[in-house]
Structures are given as structure tokens and as C-alpha cells.
C-alpha atoms as a PDB file:
ATOM      1  CA  UNK A   1     -13.895 240.827 -67.251  1.00  0.00           C
ATOM      2  CA  UNK A   2     -10.407 239.113 -66.593  1.00  0.00           C
ATOM      3  CA  UNK A   3     -10.209 235.412 -67.390  1.00  0.00           C
ATOM      4  CA  UNK A   4      -8.789 232.968 -65.032  1.00  0.00           C
ATOM      5  CA  UNK A   5      -5.438 232.994 -67.230  1.00  0.00           C
ATOM      6  CA  UNK A   6      -5.167 236.605 -65.404  1.00  0.00           C
ATOM      7  CA  UNK A   7      -5.089 235.186 -61.607  1.00  0.00           C
ATOM      8  CA  UNK A   8      -1.837 235.827 -59.786  1.00  0.00           C
ATOM      9  CA  UNK A   9      -0.145 232.692 -59.064  1.00  0.00           C
ATOM     10  CA  UNK A  10      -0.571 233.156 -54.988  1.00  0.00           C
ATOM     11  CA  UNK A  11      -3.942 233.375 -55.595  1.00  0.00           C
ATOM     12  CA  UNK A  12      -4.140 230.286 -58.149  1.00  0.00           C
ATOM     13  CA  UNK A  13      -2.055 228.308 -54.793  1.00  0.00           C
ATOM     14  CA  UNK A  14      -4.295 229.013 -52.576  1.00  0.00           C
ATOM     15  CA  UNK A  15      -7.353 227.943 -54.535  1.00  0.00           C
ATOM     16  CA  UNK A  16      -5.457 224.882 -55.730  1.00  0.00           C
ATOM     17  CA  UNK A  17      -4.335 223.941 -52.149  1.00  0.00           C
ATOM     18  CA  UNK A  18      -7.876 224.471 -50.946  1.00  0.00           C
ATOM     19  CA  UNK A  19      -9.816 222.628 -53.736  1.00  0.00           C
ATOM     20  CA  UNK A  20      -7.459 219.392 -52.761  1.00  0.00           C
ATOM     21  CA  UNK A  21      -8.113 220.070 -49.043  1.00  0.00           C
ATOM     22  CA  UNK A  22     -11.807 219.200 -49.971  1.00  0.00           C
ATOM     23  CA  UNK A  23     -10.730 215.340 -50.520  1.00  0.00           C
ATOM     24  CA  UNK A  24      -9.724 215.192 -46.797  1.00  0.00           C
ATOM     25  CA  UNK A  25     -10.490 212.384 -44.908  1.00  0.00           C
ATOM     26  CA  UNK A  26      -9.937 214.184 -41.807  1.00  0.00           C
ATOM     27  CA  UNK A  27     -12.954 215.205 -39.554  1.00  0.00           C
ATOM     28  CA  UNK A  28     -14.149 219.153 -40.438  1.00  0.00           C
ATOM     29  CA  UNK A  29     -11.518 219.727 -42.515  1.00  0.00           C
ATOM     30  CA  UNK A  30     -13.465 219.261 -45.735  1.00  0.00           C
ATOM     31  CA  UNK A  31     -16.148 221.733 -44.237  1.00  0.00           C
ATOM     32  CA  UNK A  32     -13.481 224.094 -43.349  1.00  0.00           C
ATOM     33  CA  UNK A  33     -12.244 223.807 -46.982  1.00  0.00           C
ATOM     34  CA  UNK A  34     -15.289 225.009 -48.111  1.00  0.00           C
ATOM     35  CA  UNK A  35     -15.819 227.752 -46.092  1.00  0.00           C
ATOM     36  CA  UNK A  36     -11.945 228.677 -46.823  1.00  0.00           C
ATOM     37  CA  UNK A  37     -12.593 228.285 -50.880  1.00  0.00           C
ATOM     38  CA  UNK A  38     -15.751 230.840 -50.174  1.00  0.00           C
ATOM     39  CA  UNK A  39     -13.748 233.282 -48.338  1.00  0.00           C
ATOM     40  CA  UNK A  40     -10.738 233.250 -50.979  1.00  0.00           C
ATOM     41  CA  UNK A  41     -13.006 234.206 -53.987  1.00  0.00           C
ATOM     42  CA  UNK A  42     -15.235 236.789 -51.870  1.00  0.00           C
ATOM     43  CA  UNK A  43     -11.762 238.414 -51.298  1.00  0.00           C
ATOM     44  CA  UNK A  44     -10.751 237.856 -54.896  1.00  0.00           C
ATOM     45  CA  UNK A  45     -13.526 239.990 -56.416  1.00  0.00           C
ATOM     46  CA  UNK A  46     -16.597 239.398 -58.800  1.00  0.00           C
ATOM     47  CA  UNK A  47     -13.978 239.774 -61.812  1.00  0.00           C
ATOM     48  CA  UNK A  48     -11.991 236.853 -60.966  1.00  0.00           C
ATOM     49  CA  UNK A  49     -14.771 234.725 -59.600  1.00  0.00           C
ATOM     50  CA  UNK A  50     -16.909 235.414 -63.421  1.00  0.00           C
ATOM     51  CA  UNK A  51     -13.506 234.959 -65.020  1.00  0.00           C
ATOM     52  CA  UNK A  52     -12.953 231.480 -63.255  1.00  0.00           C
ATOM     53  CA  UNK A  53     -16.525 230.688 -64.054  1.00  0.00           C
ATOM     54  CA  UNK A  54     -15.740 231.211 -67.616  1.00  0.00           C
ATOM     55  CA  UNK A  55     -13.078 229.508 -68.015  1.00  0.00           C
ATOM     56  CA  UNK A  56     -14.378 226.090 -66.291  1.00  0.00           C
ATOM     57  CA  UNK A  57     -17.296 226.344 -68.526  1.00  0.00           C
ATOM     58  CA  UNK A  58     -15.448 227.007 -72.103  1.00  0.00           C
ATOM     59  CA  UNK A  59     -12.113 225.137 -70.893  1.00  0.00           C
ATOM     60  CA  UNK A  60     -11.757 223.571 -74.705  1.00  0.00           C
ATOM     61  CA  UNK A  61     -12.410 226.569 -76.247  1.00  0.00           C
ATOM     62  CA  UNK A  62      -8.561 227.560 -76.552  1.00  0.00           C
ATOM     63  CA  UNK A  63      -7.589 224.087 -77.778  1.00  0.00           C
ATOM     64  CA  UNK A  64      -7.916 222.515 -81.410  1.00  0.00           C
ATOM     65  CA  UNK A  65      -9.580 219.069 -81.664  1.00  0.00           C
ATOM     66  CA  UNK A  66      -7.320 216.196 -83.049  1.00  0.00           C
ATOM     67  CA  UNK A  67      -8.943 216.448 -86.105  1.00  0.00           C
ATOM     68  CA  UNK A  68      -8.224 220.219 -86.348  1.00  0.00           C
ATOM     69  CA  UNK A  69      -4.738 219.640 -84.962  1.00  0.00           C
ATOM     70  CA  UNK A  70      -4.101 216.910 -88.124  1.00  0.00           C
ATOM     71  CA  UNK A  71      -5.695 219.207 -90.801  1.00  0.00           C
ATOM     72  CA  UNK A  72      -2.586 221.900 -89.374  1.00  0.00           C
ATOM     73  CA  UNK A  73       0.402 219.342 -89.593  1.00  0.00           C
ATOM     74  CA  UNK A  74      -1.001 218.248 -92.691  1.00  0.00           C
ATOM     75  CA  UNK A  75      -0.853 221.616 -94.404  1.00  0.00           C
ATOM     76  CA  UNK A  76       2.243 222.374 -92.603  1.00  0.00           C
ATOM     77  CA  UNK A  77       3.836 219.099 -94.126  1.00  0.00           C
ATOM     78  CA  UNK A  78       2.461 219.838 -97.586  1.00  0.00           C
ATOM     79  CA  UNK A  79       3.823 223.439 -97.499  1.00  0.00           C
ATOM     80  CA  UNK A  80       7.170 222.079 -96.469  1.00  0.00           C
ATOM     81  CA  UNK A  81       7.351 219.614 -99.235  1.00  0.00           C
ATOM     82  CA  UNK A  82       6.596 222.261-101.320  1.00  0.00           C
ATOM     83  CA  UNK A  83       9.478 224.688 -99.954  1.00  0.00           C
ATOM     84  CA  UNK A  84      11.758 221.824-100.118  1.00  0.00           C
ATOM     85  CA  UNK A  85      11.082 221.314-103.822  1.00  0.00           C
ATOM     86  CA  UNK A  86      11.445 224.902-104.450  1.00  0.00           C
ATOM     87  CA  UNK A  87      14.863 225.111-102.506  1.00  0.00           C
ATOM     88  CA  UNK A  88      16.244 222.102-104.435  1.00  0.00           C
ATOM     89  CA  UNK A  89      15.389 223.542-107.726  1.00  0.00           C
ATOM     90  CA  UNK A  90      16.912 226.700-106.592  1.00  0.00           C
ATOM     91  CA  UNK A  91      19.974 224.723-105.585  1.00  0.00           C
ATOM     92  CA  UNK A  92      20.503 222.837-108.546  1.00  0.00           C
ATOM     93  CA  UNK A  93      20.114 226.170-110.645  1.00  0.00           C
ATOM     94  CA  UNK A  94      22.971 227.633-108.683  1.00  0.00           C
ATOM     95  CA  UNK A  95      25.602 225.509-109.061  1.00  0.00           C
ATOM     96  CA  UNK A  96      27.585 224.591-112.074  1.00  0.00           C
ATOM     97  CA  UNK A  97      26.249 221.098-113.609  1.00  0.00           C
ATOM     98  CA  UNK A  98      29.601 219.378-114.863  1.00  0.00           C
ATOM     99  CA  UNK A  99      29.174 216.315-117.434  1.00  0.00           C
ATOM    100  CA  UNK A 100      30.209 213.123-116.070  1.00  0.00           C
ATOM    101  CA  UNK A 101      33.418 212.267-114.795  1.00  0.00           C
ATOM    102  CA  UNK A 102      34.463 210.087-117.873  1.00  0.00           C
ATOM    103  CA  UNK A 103      33.275 212.453-120.431  1.00  0.00           C
ATOM    104  CA  UNK A 104      35.160 215.062-118.720  1.00  0.00           C
ATOM    105  CA  UNK A 105      38.408 212.815-118.486  1.00  0.00           C
ATOM    106  CA  UNK A 106      38.048 211.923-122.144  1.00  0.00           C
ATOM    107  CA  UNK A 107      37.511 215.558-123.256  1.00  0.00           C
ATOM    108  CA  UNK A 108      40.561 216.743-120.905  1.00  0.00           C
ATOM    109  CA  UNK A 109      42.491 213.780-122.746  1.00  0.00           C
ATOM    110  CA  UNK A 110      42.203 214.841-126.183  1.00  0.00           C
ATOM    111  CA  UNK A 111      43.453 218.222-125.498  1.00  0.00           C
ATOM    112  CA  UNK A 112      46.199 217.323-122.661  1.00  0.00           C
ATOM    113  CA  UNK A 113      49.036 219.022-124.935  1.00  0.00           C
ATOM    114  CA  UNK A 114      47.738 221.983-123.407  1.00  0.00           C
ATOM    115  CA  UNK A 115      48.771 221.252-120.168  1.00  0.00           C
ATOM    116  CA  UNK A 116      52.134 222.562-119.092  1.00  0.00           C
ATOM    117  CA  UNK A 117      52.659 220.257-116.086  1.00  0.00           C
ATOM    118  CA  UNK A 118      53.525 216.714-116.294  1.00  0.00           C
ATOM    119  CA  UNK A 119      51.544 216.013-113.037  1.00  0.00           C
ATOM    120  CA  UNK A 120      48.480 217.028-114.831  1.00  0.00           C
ATOM    121  CA  UNK A 121      49.169 215.241-117.986  1.00  0.00           C
ATOM    122  CA  UNK A 122      49.432 212.221-115.676  1.00  0.00           C
ATOM    123  CA  UNK A 123      46.684 213.083-113.555  1.00  0.00           C
ATOM    124  CA  UNK A 124      44.365 212.641-116.897  1.00  0.00           C
ATOM    125  CA  UNK A 125      45.627 209.598-117.934  1.00  0.00           C
ATOM    126  CA  UNK A 126      44.864 208.055-114.304  1.00  0.00           C
ATOM    127  CA  UNK A 127      41.188 209.457-114.591  1.00  0.00           C
ATOM    128  CA  UNK A 128      40.508 207.752-117.824  1.00  0.00           C
ATOM    129  CA  UNK A 129      41.049 204.135-115.594  1.00  0.00           C
ATOM    130  CA  UNK A 130      39.457 205.916-112.751  1.00  0.00           C
ATOM    131  CA  UNK A 131      36.251 207.313-113.826  1.00  0.00           C
ATOM    132  CA  UNK A 132      35.356 204.282-115.620  1.00  0.00           C
ATOM    133  CA  UNK A 133      35.554 202.490-112.757  1.00  0.00           C
ATOM    134  CA  UNK A 134      32.990 204.927-110.215  1.00  0.00           C
ATOM    135  CA  UNK A 135      32.811 207.992-108.875  1.00  0.00           C
ATOM    136  CA  UNK A 136      35.806 209.910-107.999  1.00  0.00           C
ATOM    137  CA  UNK A 137      36.741 211.379-104.476  1.00  0.00           C
ATOM    138  CA  UNK A 138      35.804 214.844-104.239  1.00  0.00           C
ATOM    139  CA  UNK A 139      39.195 215.868-104.311  1.00  0.00           C
ATOM    140  CA  UNK A 140      39.746 214.158-107.559  1.00  0.00           C
ATOM    141  CA  UNK A 141      36.540 215.438-108.929  1.00  0.00           C
ATOM    142  CA  UNK A 142      37.528 219.037-108.277  1.00  0.00           C
ATOM    143  CA  UNK A 143      40.827 219.057-110.145  1.00  0.00           C
ATOM    144  CA  UNK A 144      39.497 217.398-113.004  1.00  0.00           C
ATOM    145  CA  UNK A 145      36.669 220.416-112.840  1.00  0.00           C
ATOM    146  CA  UNK A 146      39.524 222.610-112.714  1.00  0.00           C
ATOM    147  CA  UNK A 147      41.091 221.431-115.531  1.00  0.00           C
ATOM    148  CA  UNK A 148      38.506 220.559-117.887  1.00  0.00           C
ATOM    149  CA  UNK A 149      37.095 223.768-117.251  1.00  0.00           C
ATOM    150  CA  UNK A 150      40.695 225.268-117.811  1.00  0.00           C
ATOM    151  CA  UNK A 151      41.104 223.562-121.705  1.00  0.00           C
ATOM    152  CA  UNK A 152      37.778 224.964-122.652  1.00  0.00           C
ATOM    153  CA  UNK A 153      35.192 222.519-121.623  1.00  0.00           C
ATOM    154  CA  UNK A 154      31.533 223.705-121.304  1.00  0.00           C
ATOM    155  CA  UNK A 155      29.501 223.668-118.299  1.00  0.00           C
END
């Protein structure tokens, strides 16, 4: 037996308009709407009539209660937190963990005689100053890491 969800749009529209006419204040329109409603349903057939009746009686069966919705929400949040922690752990393992910038700058300064370019030696001297003061810019950090690795620094 089909439920009310299988009613075609045309039939649903006709039924809705007829139900609305049942509230009319015009003489005889309520009686005519009631007769029309009966004719529409008779022409639709027993399956549709029983489907509509079933849907009216059990209108909340397909819906979750507020408590059930909260449980689903809480479970989703917990699952999301668990996945987030797992992804963060995997991301941290995927990236190299360099020592602090000042440690790398000190290491490089002790070996700057191995550098062949004057601008790199000057850069290392500058990094001893800048790394003590706070975080480096991404560009400086990358260049320091490159030199650190080339000079044999361990990650």
C-alpha cells in the first residue's frame, strides 16, 4: 500500500486547495468543498486514501525526537573530535620537526666556515640576533632550515 508520499503533485495540490476552502465564510462553499474532497479521494482510489490515513496517524514516525537528535549530534561531535585528533597526529608525523630557530642558528654559526656564499654567512649572523627576538618570517625560517640541513643538522 503506497503512503501519502507517493501522491502525485497535481492530486496533492487539489487536495490542499480543497481543504483550505473548508474554512471559507461564503455560503455553501464549505459544503461544496467537503463534497469535492470526497470526490477527489474516491477518484484517487483506496490505496491513496489508506496511504493518507496512515500518514496522518503516524506523522511523527519518520522524525527524530529532540533527545534523539541531540544524541546523534553529540555522537557526531565526538566522532569529529576523534578524527581531528587522529589527523593532527598524522600531520605532525608527516612534517619534519626542526629544532627552535635559535638552536639552528647557533649550530649553523658554529659551522659557517663551511658555507661558500658570503650572503649565507651574513644571514646566519643575522639569524643569531633575530631568532633570539621571536619567531622568524616564513621566508627566513625556510632559508635557515635549508642551511641547517646542508650543514648536517639533524631533524
